[in-house]
Amino acid sequence: MRLPDVEVKVKKYEREEVLLELPGEDHTLCNLLKWALNQKDGIVATYRIEHPILGKRHKVEEEEEHVPPKVRIRAMEEDADAREALKEAIDELLELIEEAREEFQGALEEVES
């Protein structure tokens, strides 16, 4: 099984703060990432999704372009590192997804037998 492609635009990548844009994403991925990051000591993560009507940029050729969701990760303590927290959170989320897949698969196999 392959996860869908996620477009990520890195706007800032420093120890104290990471700012990402996630074009095409919505609350599902942003909220999951925020949750995992906020489990880390000394890290505060937020995200913002503009309202579809209010979050429009100027027209680009014939199409309207929406402002992509933004995820901000900040190190609030001196020994915290926003970059490392992001890497760790992604790895932990992938592990959780794999565990959930195994649980679902086991439950389905149990029902089928």
PDB file of N, CA and C in Angstrom:
ATOM      1  N   MET A   1       0.841  -1.181   0.000  1.00  0.00           N
ATOM      2  CA  MET A   1       0.000   0.000   0.000  1.00  0.00           C
ATOM      3  C   MET A   1       0.886   1.243   0.000  1.00  0.00           C
ATOM      4  N   ARG A   2       0.495   2.192  -0.784  1.00  0.00           N
ATOM      5  CA  ARG A   2       1.276   3.425  -0.899  1.00  0.00           C
ATOM      6  C   ARG A   2       0.420   4.591  -0.428  1.00  0.00           C
ATOM      7  N   LEU A   3       0.999   5.416   0.417  1.00  0.00           N
ATOM      8  CA  LEU A   3       0.282   6.606   0.880  1.00  0.00           C
ATOM      9  C   LEU A   3       0.236   7.627  -0.243  1.00  0.00           C
ATOM     10  N   PRO A   4      -0.794   8.472  -0.254  1.00  0.00           N
ATOM     11  CA  PRO A   4      -0.872   9.491  -1.306  1.00  0.00           C
ATOM     12  C   PRO A   4       0.286  10.481  -1.195  1.00  0.00           C
ATOM     13  N   ASP A   5       0.641  11.052  -2.332  1.00  0.00           N
ATOM     14  CA  ASP A   5       1.701  12.060  -2.348  1.00  0.00           C
ATOM     15  C   ASP A   5       1.234  13.309  -1.613  1.00  0.00           C
ATOM     16  N   VAL A   6       2.140  13.916  -0.885  1.00  0.00           N
ATOM     17  CA  VAL A   6       1.862  15.153  -0.167  1.00  0.00           C
ATOM     18  C   VAL A   6       2.861  16.190  -0.664  1.00  0.00           C
ATOM     19  N   GLU A   7       2.333  17.320  -1.117  1.00  0.00           N
ATOM     20  CA  GLU A   7       3.213  18.401  -1.533  1.00  0.00           C
ATOM     21  C   GLU A   7       3.543  19.241  -0.306  1.00  0.00           C
ATOM     22  N   VAL A   8       4.823  19.493  -0.105  1.00  0.00           N
ATOM     23  CA  VAL A   8       5.269  20.285   1.042  1.00  0.00           C
ATOM     24  C   VAL A   8       6.189  21.387   0.537  1.00  0.00           C
ATOM     25  N   LYS A   9       5.879  22.606   0.932  1.00  0.00           N
ATOM     26  CA  LYS A   9       6.747  23.738   0.624  1.00  0.00           C
ATOM     27  C   LYS A   9       7.298  24.255   1.948  1.00  0.00           C
ATOM     28  N   VAL A  10       8.602  24.193   2.094  1.00  0.00           N
ATOM     29  CA  VAL A  10       9.255  24.634   3.325  1.00  0.00           C
ATOM     30  C   VAL A  10       9.522  26.136   3.204  1.00  0.00           C
ATOM     31  N   LYS A  11       8.871  26.917   4.052  1.00  0.00           N
ATOM     32  CA  LYS A  11       9.024  28.369   4.028  1.00  0.00           C
ATOM     33  C   LYS A  11      10.081  28.849   5.015  1.00  0.00           C
ATOM     34  N   LYS A  12      10.278  28.076   6.087  1.00  0.00           N
ATOM     35  CA  LYS A  12      11.279  28.418   7.095  1.00  0.00           C
ATOM     36  C   LYS A  12      11.709  27.105   7.748  1.00  0.00           C
ATOM     37  N   TYR A  13      13.012  26.943   7.966  1.00  0.00           N
ATOM     38  CA  TYR A  13      13.523  25.697   8.541  1.00  0.00           C
ATOM     39  C   TYR A  13      14.687  26.029   9.461  1.00  0.00           C
ATOM     40  N   GLU A  14      14.347  26.409  10.677  1.00  0.00           N
ATOM     41  CA  GLU A  14      15.343  26.775  11.681  1.00  0.00           C
ATOM     42  C   GLU A  14      15.074  25.998  12.963  1.00  0.00           C
ATOM     43  N   ARG A  15      16.066  25.965  13.848  1.00  0.00           N
ATOM     44  CA  ARG A  15      15.910  25.234  15.106  1.00  0.00           C
ATOM     45  C   ARG A  15      14.728  25.767  15.898  1.00  0.00           C
ATOM     46  N   GLU A  16      14.548  27.067  15.902  1.00  0.00           N
ATOM     47  CA  GLU A  16      13.495  27.691  16.702  1.00  0.00           C
ATOM     48  C   GLU A  16      12.120  27.603  16.050  1.00  0.00           C
ATOM     49  N   GLU A  17      12.089  27.518  14.707  1.00  0.00           N
ATOM     50  CA  GLU A  17      10.788  27.542  14.033  1.00  0.00           C
ATOM     51  C   GLU A  17      10.858  26.903  12.651  1.00  0.00           C
ATOM     52  N   VAL A  18       9.816  26.133  12.359  1.00  0.00           N
ATOM     53  CA  VAL A  18       9.639  25.553  11.028  1.00  0.00           C
ATOM     54  C   VAL A  18       8.272  26.000  10.537  1.00  0.00           C
ATOM     55  N   LEU A  19       8.212  26.473   9.294  1.00  0.00           N
ATOM     56  CA  LEU A  19       6.955  26.881   8.691  1.00  0.00           C
ATOM     57  C   LEU A  19       6.800  26.128   7.378  1.00  0.00           C
ATOM     58  N   LEU A  20       5.686  25.409   7.261  1.00  0.00           N
ATOM     59  CA  LEU A  20       5.415  24.601   6.073  1.00  0.00           C
ATOM     60  C   LEU A  20       4.115  25.041   5.424  1.00  0.00           C
ATOM     61  N   GLU A  21       4.052  24.950   4.109  1.00  0.00           N
ATOM     62  CA  GLU A  21       2.794  25.083   3.383  1.00  0.00           C
ATOM     63  C   GLU A  21       2.475  23.716   2.810  1.00  0.00           C
ATOM     64  N   LEU A  22       1.208  23.326   2.892  1.00  0.00           N
ATOM     65  CA  LEU A  22       0.778  22.014   2.416  1.00  0.00           C
ATOM     66  C   LEU A  22      -0.340  22.169   1.391  1.00  0.00           C
ATOM     67  N   PRO A  23      -0.004  22.565   0.157  1.00  0.00           N
ATOM     68  CA  PRO A  23      -1.038  22.735  -0.866  1.00  0.00           C
ATOM     69  C   PRO A  23      -1.835  21.452  -1.077  1.00  0.00           C
ATOM     70  N   GLY A  24      -3.129  21.587  -1.197  1.00  0.00           N
ATOM     71  CA  GLY A  24      -3.989  20.435  -1.455  1.00  0.00           C
ATOM     72  C   GLY A  24      -4.392  19.662  -0.218  1.00  0.00           C
ATOM     73  N   GLU A  25      -3.870  20.010   0.941  1.00  0.00           N
ATOM     74  CA  GLU A  25      -4.218  19.289   2.171  1.00  0.00           C
ATOM     75  C   GLU A  25      -5.338  20.014   2.902  1.00  0.00           C
ATOM     76  N   ASP A  26      -5.883  19.326   3.898  1.00  0.00           N
ATOM     77  CA  ASP A  26      -6.971  19.914   4.670  1.00  0.00           C
ATOM     78  C   ASP A  26      -6.737  19.642   6.156  1.00  0.00           C
ATOM     79  N   HIS A  27      -7.797  19.722   6.939  1.00  0.00           N
ATOM     80  CA  HIS A  27      -7.674  19.557   8.383  1.00  0.00           C
ATOM     81  C   HIS A  27      -7.180  18.168   8.780  1.00  0.00           C
ATOM     82  N   THR A  28      -7.437  17.152   7.971  1.00  0.00           N
ATOM     83  CA  THR A  28      -7.070  15.786   8.342  1.00  0.00           C
ATOM     84  C   THR A  28      -5.579  15.668   8.612  1.00  0.00           C
ATOM     85  N   LEU A  29      -4.755  15.988   7.630  1.00  0.00           N
ATOM     86  CA  LEU A  29      -3.308  15.865   7.804  1.00  0.00           C
ATOM     87  C   LEU A  29      -2.766  16.927   8.758  1.00  0.00           C
ATOM     88  N   CYS A  30      -3.248  18.155   8.626  1.00  0.00           N
ATOM     89  CA  CYS A  30      -2.738  19.243   9.475  1.00  0.00           C
ATOM     90  C   CYS A  30      -3.007  18.966  10.952  1.00  0.00           C
ATOM     91  N   ASN A  31      -4.209  18.499  11.265  1.00  0.00           N
ATOM     92  CA  ASN A  31      -4.562  18.239  12.657  1.00  0.00           C
ATOM     93  C   ASN A  31      -3.768  17.054  13.222  1.00  0.00           C
ATOM     94  N   LEU A  32      -3.562  16.038  12.419  1.00  0.00           N
ATOM     95  CA  LEU A  32      -2.776  14.878  12.848  1.00  0.00           C
ATOM     96  C   LEU A  32      -1.332  15.278  13.134  1.00  0.00           C
ATOM     97  N   LEU A  33      -0.761  16.068  12.255  1.00  0.00           N
ATOM     98  CA  LEU A  33       0.608  16.539  12.440  1.00  0.00           C
ATOM     99  C   LEU A  33       0.711  17.438  13.671  1.00  0.00           C
ATOM    100  N   LYS A  34      -0.243  18.323  13.831  1.00  0.00           N
ATOM    101  CA  LYS A  34      -0.259  19.213  15.000  1.00  0.00           C
ATOM    102  C   LYS A  34      -0.340  18.396  16.294  1.00  0.00           C
ATOM    103  N   TRP A  35      -1.204  17.404  16.309  1.00  0.00           N
ATOM    104  CA  TRP A  35      -1.366  16.564  17.502  1.00  0.00           C
ATOM    105  C   TRP A  35      -0.040  15.879  17.859  1.00  0.00           C
ATOM    106  N   ALA A  36       0.610  15.277  16.864  1.00  0.00           N
ATOM    107  CA  ALA A  36       1.861  14.558  17.129  1.00  0.00           C
ATOM    108  C   ALA A  36       2.954  15.513  17.609  1.00  0.00           C
ATOM    109  N   LEU A  37       3.028  16.678  17.020  1.00  0.00           N
ATOM    110  CA  LEU A  37       4.053  17.645  17.405  1.00  0.00           C
ATOM    111  C   LEU A  37       3.823  18.195  18.809  1.00  0.00           C
ATOM    112  N   ASN A  38       2.575  18.406  19.163  1.00  0.00           N
ATOM    113  CA  ASN A  38       2.281  18.969  20.480  1.00  0.00           C
ATOM    114  C   ASN A  38       2.487  17.965  21.612  1.00  0.00           C
ATOM    115  N   GLN A  39       2.815  16.716  21.286  1.00  0.00           N
ATOM    116  CA  GLN A  39       3.184  15.720  22.297  1.00  0.00           C
ATOM    117  C   GLN A  39       4.641  15.899  22.739  1.00  0.00           C
ATOM    118  N   LYS A  40       5.386  16.668  21.964  1.00  0.00           N
ATOM    119  CA  LYS A  40       6.816  16.868  22.219  1.00  0.00           C
ATOM    120  C   LYS A  40       7.032  17.961  23.264  1.00  0.00           C
ATOM    121  N   ASP A  41       7.944  17.717  24.187  1.00  0.00           N
ATOM    122  CA  ASP A  41       8.279  18.722  25.203  1.00  0.00           C
ATOM    123  C   ASP A  41       8.896  19.952  24.551  1.00  0.00           C
ATOM    124  N   GLY A  42       8.427  21.109  24.957  1.00  0.00           N
ATOM    125  CA  GLY A  42       9.006  22.362  24.498  1.00  0.00           C
ATOM    126  C   GLY A  42       8.602  22.785  23.096  1.00  0.00           C
ATOM    127  N   ILE A  43       7.652  22.084  22.490  1.00  0.00           N
ATOM    128  CA  ILE A  43       7.214  22.378  21.120  1.00  0.00           C
ATOM    129  C   ILE A  43       5.747  22.783  21.121  1.00  0.00           C
ATOM    130  N   VAL A  44       5.442  23.801  20.343  1.00  0.00           N
ATOM    131  CA  VAL A  44       4.049  24.200  20.110  1.00  0.00           C
ATOM    132  C   VAL A  44       3.838  24.227  18.603  1.00  0.00           C
ATOM    133  N   ALA A  45       2.838  23.494  18.153  1.00  0.00           N
ATOM    134  CA  ALA A  45       2.522  23.442  16.728  1.00  0.00           C
ATOM    135  C   ALA A  45       1.099  23.941  16.512  1.00  0.00           C
ATOM    136  N   THR A  46       0.928  24.715  15.459  1.00  0.00           N
ATOM    137  CA  THR A  46      -0.394  25.212  15.077  1.00  0.00           C
ATOM    138  C   THR A  46      -0.521  25.089  13.563  1.00  0.00           C
ATOM    139  N   TYR A  47      -1.739  25.191  13.088  1.00  0.00           N
ATOM    140  CA  TYR A  47      -1.929  25.274  11.644  1.00  0.00           C
ATOM    141  C   TYR A  47      -3.074  26.223  11.358  1.00  0.00           C
ATOM    142  N   ARG A  48      -3.076  26.712  10.123  1.00  0.00           N
ATOM    143  CA  ARG A  48      -4.100  27.666   9.717  1.00  0.00           C
ATOM    144  C   ARG A  48      -4.559  27.334   8.302  1.00  0.00           C
ATOM    145  N   ILE A  49      -5.855  27.272   8.148  1.00  0.00           N
ATOM    146  CA  ILE A  49      -6.456  27.079   6.839  1.00  0.00           C
ATOM    147  C   ILE A  49      -7.425  28.234   6.626  1.00  0.00           C
ATOM    148  N   GLU A  50      -7.163  29.017   5.588  1.00  0.00           N
ATOM    149  CA  GLU A  50      -8.024  30.154   5.284  1.00  0.00           C
ATOM    150  C   GLU A  50      -9.389  29.666   4.809  1.00  0.00           C
ATOM    151  N   HIS A  51     -10.416  30.438   5.065  1.00  0.00           N
ATOM    152  CA  HIS A  51     -11.746  30.147   4.524  1.00  0.00           C
ATOM    153  C   HIS A  51     -11.651  30.187   3.008  1.00  0.00           C
ATOM    154  N   PRO A  52     -12.323  29.272   2.307  1.00  0.00           N
ATOM    155  CA  PRO A  52     -12.191  29.222   0.846  1.00  0.00           C
ATOM    156  C   PRO A  52     -12.514  30.543   0.138  1.00  0.00           C
ATOM    157  N   ILE A  53     -13.442  31.295   0.671  1.00  0.00           N
ATOM    158  CA  ILE A  53     -13.790  32.559   0.022  1.00  0.00           C
ATOM    159  C   ILE A  53     -12.775  33.640   0.386  1.00  0.00           C
ATOM    160  N   LEU A  54     -12.387  33.694   1.643  1.00  0.00           N
ATOM    161  CA  LEU A  54     -11.481  34.743   2.096  1.00  0.00           C
ATOM    162  C   LEU A  54     -10.030  34.437   1.778  1.00  0.00           C
ATOM    163  N   GLY A  55      -9.699  33.167   1.581  1.00  0.00           N
ATOM    164  CA  GLY A  55      -8.303  32.773   1.398  1.00  0.00           C
ATOM    165  C   GLY A  55      -7.858  32.717  -0.048  1.00  0.00           C
ATOM    166  N   LYS A  56      -8.486  33.495  -0.926  1.00  0.00           N
ATOM    167  CA  LYS A  56      -8.090  33.484  -2.333  1.00  0.00           C
ATOM    168  C   LYS A  56      -6.996  34.508  -2.591  1.00  0.00           C
ATOM    169  N   ARG A  57      -6.043  34.106  -3.392  1.00  0.00           N
ATOM    170  CA  ARG A  57      -5.029  35.039  -3.861  1.00  0.00           C
ATOM    171  C   ARG A  57      -5.573  35.696  -5.119  1.00  0.00           C
ATOM    172  N   HIS A  58      -4.811  36.592  -5.673  1.00  0.00           N
ATOM    173  CA  HIS A  58      -5.223  37.202  -6.931  1.00  0.00           C
ATOM    174  C   HIS A  58      -5.329  36.127  -8.000  1.00  0.00           C
ATOM    175  N   LYS A  59      -6.164  36.373  -8.981  1.00  0.00           N
ATOM    176  CA  LYS A  59      -6.332  35.388 -10.049  1.00  0.00           C
ATOM    177  C   LYS A  59      -5.016  35.167 -10.780  1.00  0.00           C
ATOM    178  N   VAL A  60      -4.741  33.915 -11.049  1.00  0.00           N
ATOM    179  CA  VAL A  60      -3.548  33.536 -11.787  1.00  0.00           C
ATOM    180  C   VAL A  60      -4.043  32.896 -13.075  1.00  0.00           C
ATOM    181  N   GLU A  61      -3.824  33.569 -14.170  1.00  0.00           N
ATOM    182  CA  GLU A  61      -4.345  33.128 -15.471  1.00  0.00           C
ATOM    183  C   GLU A  61      -5.833  32.860 -15.304  1.00  0.00           C
ATOM    184  N   GLU A  62      -6.501  32.036 -15.719  1.00  0.00           N
ATOM    185  CA  GLU A  62      -7.953  31.948 -15.617  1.00  0.00           C
ATOM    186  C   GLU A  62      -8.442  31.326 -14.312  1.00  0.00           C
ATOM    187  N   GLU A  63      -7.560  30.748 -13.538  1.00  0.00           N
ATOM    188  CA  GLU A  63      -7.994  30.037 -12.332  1.00  0.00           C
ATOM    189  C   GLU A  63      -7.760  30.847 -11.069  1.00  0.00           C
ATOM    190  N   GLU A  64      -8.584  30.561 -10.064  1.00  0.00           N
ATOM    191  CA  GLU A  64      -8.353  31.164  -8.752  1.00  0.00           C
ATOM    192  C   GLU A  64      -7.470  30.218  -7.958  1.00  0.00           C
ATOM    193  N   GLU A  65      -6.520  30.775  -7.269  1.00  0.00           N
ATOM    194  CA  GLU A  65      -5.595  29.967  -6.484  1.00  0.00           C
ATOM    195  C   GLU A  65      -5.876  30.222  -5.010  1.00  0.00           C
ATOM    196  N   HIS A  66      -6.069  29.160  -4.250  1.00  0.00           N
ATOM    197  CA  HIS A  66      -6.332  29.304  -2.824  1.00  0.00           C
ATOM    198  C   HIS A  66      -5.026  29.330  -2.046  1.00  0.00           C
ATOM    199  N   VAL A  67      -5.033  30.024  -0.935  1.00  0.00           N
ATOM    200  CA  VAL A  67      -3.886  30.052  -0.038  1.00  0.00           C
ATOM    201  C   VAL A  67      -3.771  28.673   0.607  1.00  0.00           C
ATOM    202  N   PRO A  68      -2.617  28.014   0.511  1.00  0.00           N
ATOM    203  CA  PRO A  68      -2.495  26.661   1.080  1.00  0.00           C
ATOM    204  C   PRO A  68      -2.442  26.695   2.601  1.00  0.00           C
ATOM    205  N   PRO A  69      -2.816  25.586   3.240  1.00  0.00           N
ATOM    206  CA  PRO A  69      -2.696  25.486   4.696  1.00  0.00           C
ATOM    207  C   PRO A  69      -1.243  25.683   5.122  1.00  0.00           C
ATOM    208  N   LYS A  70      -1.079  26.283   6.286  1.00  0.00           N
ATOM    209  CA  LYS A  70       0.254  26.519   6.841  1.00  0.00           C
ATOM    210  C   LYS A  70       0.364  25.846   8.202  1.00  0.00           C
ATOM    211  N   VAL A  71       1.456  25.140   8.417  1.00  0.00           N
ATOM    212  CA  VAL A  71       1.756  24.509   9.703  1.00  0.00           C
ATOM    213  C   VAL A  71       2.977  25.222  10.272  1.00  0.00           C
ATOM    214  N   ARG A  72       2.857  25.682  11.514  1.00  0.00           N
ATOM    215  CA  ARG A  72       3.963  26.366  12.190  1.00  0.00           C
ATOM    216  C   ARG A  72       4.358  25.547  13.415  1.00  0.00           C
ATOM    217  N   ILE A  73       5.661  25.279  13.521  1.00  0.00           N
ATOM    218  CA  ILE A  73       6.210  24.510  14.639  1.00  0.00           C
ATOM    219  C   ILE A  73       7.226  25.413  15.328  1.00  0.00           C
ATOM    220  N   ARG A  74       7.022  25.646  16.623  1.00  0.00           N
ATOM    221  CA  ARG A  74       7.927  26.545  17.353  1.00  0.00           C
ATOM    222  C   ARG A  74       8.532  25.839  18.552  1.00  0.00           C
ATOM    223  N   ALA A  75       9.818  26.058  18.751  1.00  0.00           N
ATOM    224  CA  ALA A  75      10.517  25.568  19.941  1.00  0.00           C
ATOM    225  C   ALA A  75      10.343  26.628  21.019  1.00  0.00           C
ATOM    226  N   MET A  76       9.695  26.263  22.099  1.00  0.00           N
ATOM    227  CA  MET A  76       9.393  27.217  23.161  1.00  0.00           C
ATOM    228  C   MET A  76      10.388  27.141  24.311  1.00  0.00           C
ATOM    229  N   GLU A  77      11.237  26.130  24.304  1.00  0.00           N
ATOM    230  CA  GLU A  77      12.258  25.985  25.331  1.00  0.00           C
ATOM    231  C   GLU A  77      13.627  25.956  24.666  1.00  0.00           C
ATOM    232  N   GLU A  78      14.632  26.368  25.387  1.00  0.00           N
ATOM    233  CA  GLU A  78      15.977  26.497  24.829  1.00  0.00           C
ATOM    234  C   GLU A  78      16.525  25.190  24.268  1.00  0.00           C
ATOM    235  N   ASP A  79      16.214  24.068  24.905  1.00  0.00           N
ATOM    236  CA  ASP A  79      16.763  22.799  24.445  1.00  0.00           C
ATOM    237  C   ASP A  79      15.877  22.088  23.416  1.00  0.00           C
ATOM    238  N   ALA A  80      14.766  22.696  23.010  1.00  0.00           N
ATOM    239  CA  ALA A  80      13.880  22.090  22.015  1.00  0.00           C
ATOM    240  C   ALA A  80      14.344  22.468  20.609  1.00  0.00           C
ATOM    241  N   ASP A  81      14.087  21.587  19.649  1.00  0.00           N
ATOM    242  CA  ASP A  81      14.478  21.807  18.260  1.00  0.00           C
ATOM    243  C   ASP A  81      13.281  21.497  17.373  1.00  0.00           C
ATOM    244  N   ALA A  82      12.740  22.503  16.716  1.00  0.00           N
ATOM    245  CA  ALA A  82      11.543  22.339  15.883  1.00  0.00           C
ATOM    246  C   ALA A  82      11.794  21.366  14.728  1.00  0.00           C
ATOM    247  N   ARG A  83      12.991  21.407  14.153  1.00  0.00           N
ATOM    248  CA  ARG A  83      13.314  20.518  13.029  1.00  0.00           C
ATOM    249  C   ARG A  83      13.311  19.061  13.458  1.00  0.00           C
ATOM    250  N   GLU A  84      13.962  18.776  14.586  1.00  0.00           N
ATOM    251  CA  GLU A  84      14.016  17.402  15.086  1.00  0.00           C
ATOM    252  C   GLU A  84      12.625  16.923  15.501  1.00  0.00           C
ATOM    253  N   ALA A  85      11.851  17.807  16.108  1.00  0.00           N
ATOM    254  CA  ALA A  85      10.490  17.444  16.515  1.00  0.00           C
ATOM    255  C   ALA A  85       9.655  17.038  15.308  1.00  0.00           C
ATOM    256  N   LEU A  86       9.794  17.758  14.201  1.00  0.00           N
ATOM    257  CA  LEU A  86       9.062  17.422  12.982  1.00  0.00           C
ATOM    258  C   LEU A  86       9.459  16.046  12.466  1.00  0.00           C
ATOM    259  N   LYS A  87      10.753  15.779  12.398  1.00  0.00           N
ATOM    260  CA  LYS A  87      11.229  14.473  11.926  1.00  0.00           C
ATOM    261  C   LYS A  87      10.714  13.344  12.818  1.00  0.00           C
ATOM    262  N   GLU A  88      10.812  13.537  14.124  1.00  0.00           N
ATOM    263  CA  GLU A  88      10.348  12.512  15.070  1.00  0.00           C
ATOM    264  C   GLU A  88       8.843  12.300  14.959  1.00  0.00           C
ATOM    265  N   ALA A  89       8.079  13.378  14.851  1.00  0.00           N
ATOM    266  CA  ALA A  89       6.620  13.273  14.768  1.00  0.00           C
ATOM    267  C   ALA A  89       6.199  12.500  13.521  1.00  0.00           C
ATOM    268  N   ILE A  90       6.859  12.752  12.401  1.00  0.00           N
ATOM    269  CA  ILE A  90       6.521  12.034  11.167  1.00  0.00           C
ATOM    270  C   ILE A  90       6.797  10.544  11.334  1.00  0.00           C
ATOM    271  N   ASP A  91       7.958  10.193  11.890  1.00  0.00           N
ATOM    272  CA  ASP A  91       8.286   8.780  12.112  1.00  0.00           C
ATOM    273  C   ASP A  91       7.277   8.118  13.052  1.00  0.00           C
ATOM    274  N   GLU A  92       6.907   8.810  14.121  1.00  0.00           N
ATOM    275  CA  GLU A  92       5.956   8.250  15.081  1.00  0.00           C
ATOM    276  C   GLU A  92       4.572   8.076  14.461  1.00  0.00           C
ATOM    277  N   LEU A  93       4.150   9.021  13.627  1.00  0.00           N
ATOM    278  CA  LEU A  93       2.851   8.889  12.964  1.00  0.00           C
ATOM    279  C   LEU A  93       2.840   7.704  12.006  1.00  0.00           C
ATOM    280  N   LEU A  94       3.926   7.511  11.293  1.00  0.00           N
ATOM    281  CA  LEU A  94       3.999   6.362  10.389  1.00  0.00           C
ATOM    282  C   LEU A  94       3.925   5.047  11.165  1.00  0.00           C
ATOM    283  N   GLU A  95       4.553   4.991  12.329  1.00  0.00           N
ATOM    284  CA  GLU A  95       4.473   3.795  13.180  1.00  0.00           C
ATOM    285  C   GLU A  95       3.044   3.567  13.664  1.00  0.00           C
ATOM    286  N   LEU A  96       2.377   4.632  14.087  1.00  0.00           N
ATOM    287  CA  LEU A  96       0.987   4.518  14.542  1.00  0.00           C
ATOM    288  C   LEU A  96       0.074   4.043  13.423  1.00  0.00           C
ATOM    289  N   ILE A  97       0.300   4.538  12.223  1.00  0.00           N
ATOM    290  CA  ILE A  97      -0.511   4.114  11.080  1.00  0.00           C
ATOM    291  C   ILE A  97      -0.299   2.634  10.803  1.00  0.00           C
ATOM    292  N   GLU A  98       0.936   2.182  10.885  1.00  0.00           N
ATOM    293  CA  GLU A  98       1.229   0.760  10.669  1.00  0.00           C
ATOM    294  C   GLU A  98       0.566  -0.101  11.748  1.00  0.00           C
ATOM    295  N   GLU A  99       0.628   0.336  12.998  1.00  0.00           N
ATOM    296  CA  GLU A  99      -0.031  -0.405  14.084  1.00  0.00           C
ATOM    297  C   GLU A  99      -1.543  -0.458  13.863  1.00  0.00           C
ATOM    298  N   ALA A 100      -2.125   0.643  13.444  1.00  0.00           N
ATOM    299  CA  ALA A 100      -3.564   0.682  13.180  1.00  0.00           C
ATOM    300  C   ALA A 100      -3.925  -0.259  12.030  1.00  0.00           C
ATOM    301  N   ARG A 101      -3.083  -0.282  10.996  1.00  0.00           N
ATOM    302  CA  ARG A 101      -3.333  -1.182   9.860  1.00  0.00           C
ATOM    303  C   ARG A 101      -3.336  -2.639  10.318  1.00  0.00           C
ATOM    304  N   GLU A 102      -2.376  -2.998  11.158  1.00  0.00           N
ATOM    305  CA  GLU A 102      -2.304  -4.367  11.662  1.00  0.00           C
ATOM    306  C   GLU A 102      -3.519  -4.710  12.517  1.00  0.00           C
ATOM    307  N   GLU A 103      -3.966  -3.762  13.331  1.00  0.00           N
ATOM    308  CA  GLU A 103      -5.163  -3.979  14.156  1.00  0.00           C
ATOM    309  C   GLU A 103      -6.396  -4.203  13.281  1.00  0.00           C
ATOM    310  N   PHE A 104      -6.574  -3.359  12.282  1.00  0.00           N
ATOM    311  CA  PHE A 104      -7.715  -3.508  11.371  1.00  0.00           C
ATOM    312  C   PHE A 104      -7.650  -4.838  10.642  1.00  0.00           C
ATOM    313  N   GLN A 105      -6.467  -5.168  10.144  1.00  0.00           N
ATOM    314  CA  GLN A 105      -6.295  -6.412   9.406  1.00  0.00           C
ATOM    315  C   GLN A 105      -6.617  -7.614  10.292  1.00  0.00           C
ATOM    316  N   GLY A 106      -6.145  -7.584  11.541  1.00  0.00           N
ATOM    317  CA  GLY A 106      -6.434  -8.680  12.459  1.00  0.00           C
ATOM    318  C   GLY A 106      -7.910  -8.801  12.748  1.00  0.00           C
ATOM    319  N   ALA A 107      -8.580  -7.681  12.951  1.00  0.00           N
ATOM    320  CA  ALA A 107     -10.021  -7.697  13.235  1.00  0.00           C
ATOM    321  C   ALA A 107     -10.791  -8.220  12.034  1.00  0.00           C
ATOM    322  N   LEU A 108     -10.390  -7.851  10.843  1.00  0.00           N
ATOM    323  CA  LEU A 108     -11.083  -8.333   9.635  1.00  0.00           C
ATOM    324  C   LEU A 108     -10.865  -9.826   9.430  1.00  0.00           C
ATOM    325  N   GLU A 109      -9.649 -10.292   9.669  1.00  0.00           N
ATOM    326  CA  GLU A 109      -9.363 -11.715   9.546  1.00  0.00           C
ATOM    327  C   GLU A 109     -10.158 -12.521  10.561  1.00  0.00           C
ATOM    328  N   GLU A 110     -10.328 -11.970  11.756  1.00  0.00           N
ATOM    329  CA  GLU A 110     -11.107 -12.647  12.791  1.00  0.00           C
ATOM    330  C   GLU A 110     -12.567 -12.792  12.372  1.00  0.00           C
ATOM    331  N   VAL A 111     -13.117 -11.757  11.781  1.00  0.00           N
ATOM    332  CA  VAL A 111     -14.519 -11.783  11.334  1.00  0.00           C
ATOM    333  C   VAL A 111     -14.694 -12.752  10.174  1.00  0.00           C
ATOM    334  N   GLU A 112     -13.705 -12.812   9.296  1.00  0.00           N
ATOM    335  CA  GLU A 112     -13.803 -13.687   8.128  1.00  0.00           C
ATOM    336  C   GLU A 112     -13.694 -15.163   8.479  1.00  0.00           C
ATOM    337  N   SER A 113     -13.078 -15.495   9.624  1.00  0.00           N
ATOM    338  CA  SER A 113     -12.897 -16.918   9.972  1.00  0.00           C
ATOM    339  C   SER A 113     -14.049 -17.446  10.796  1.00  0.00           C
TER     340      SER A 113
END
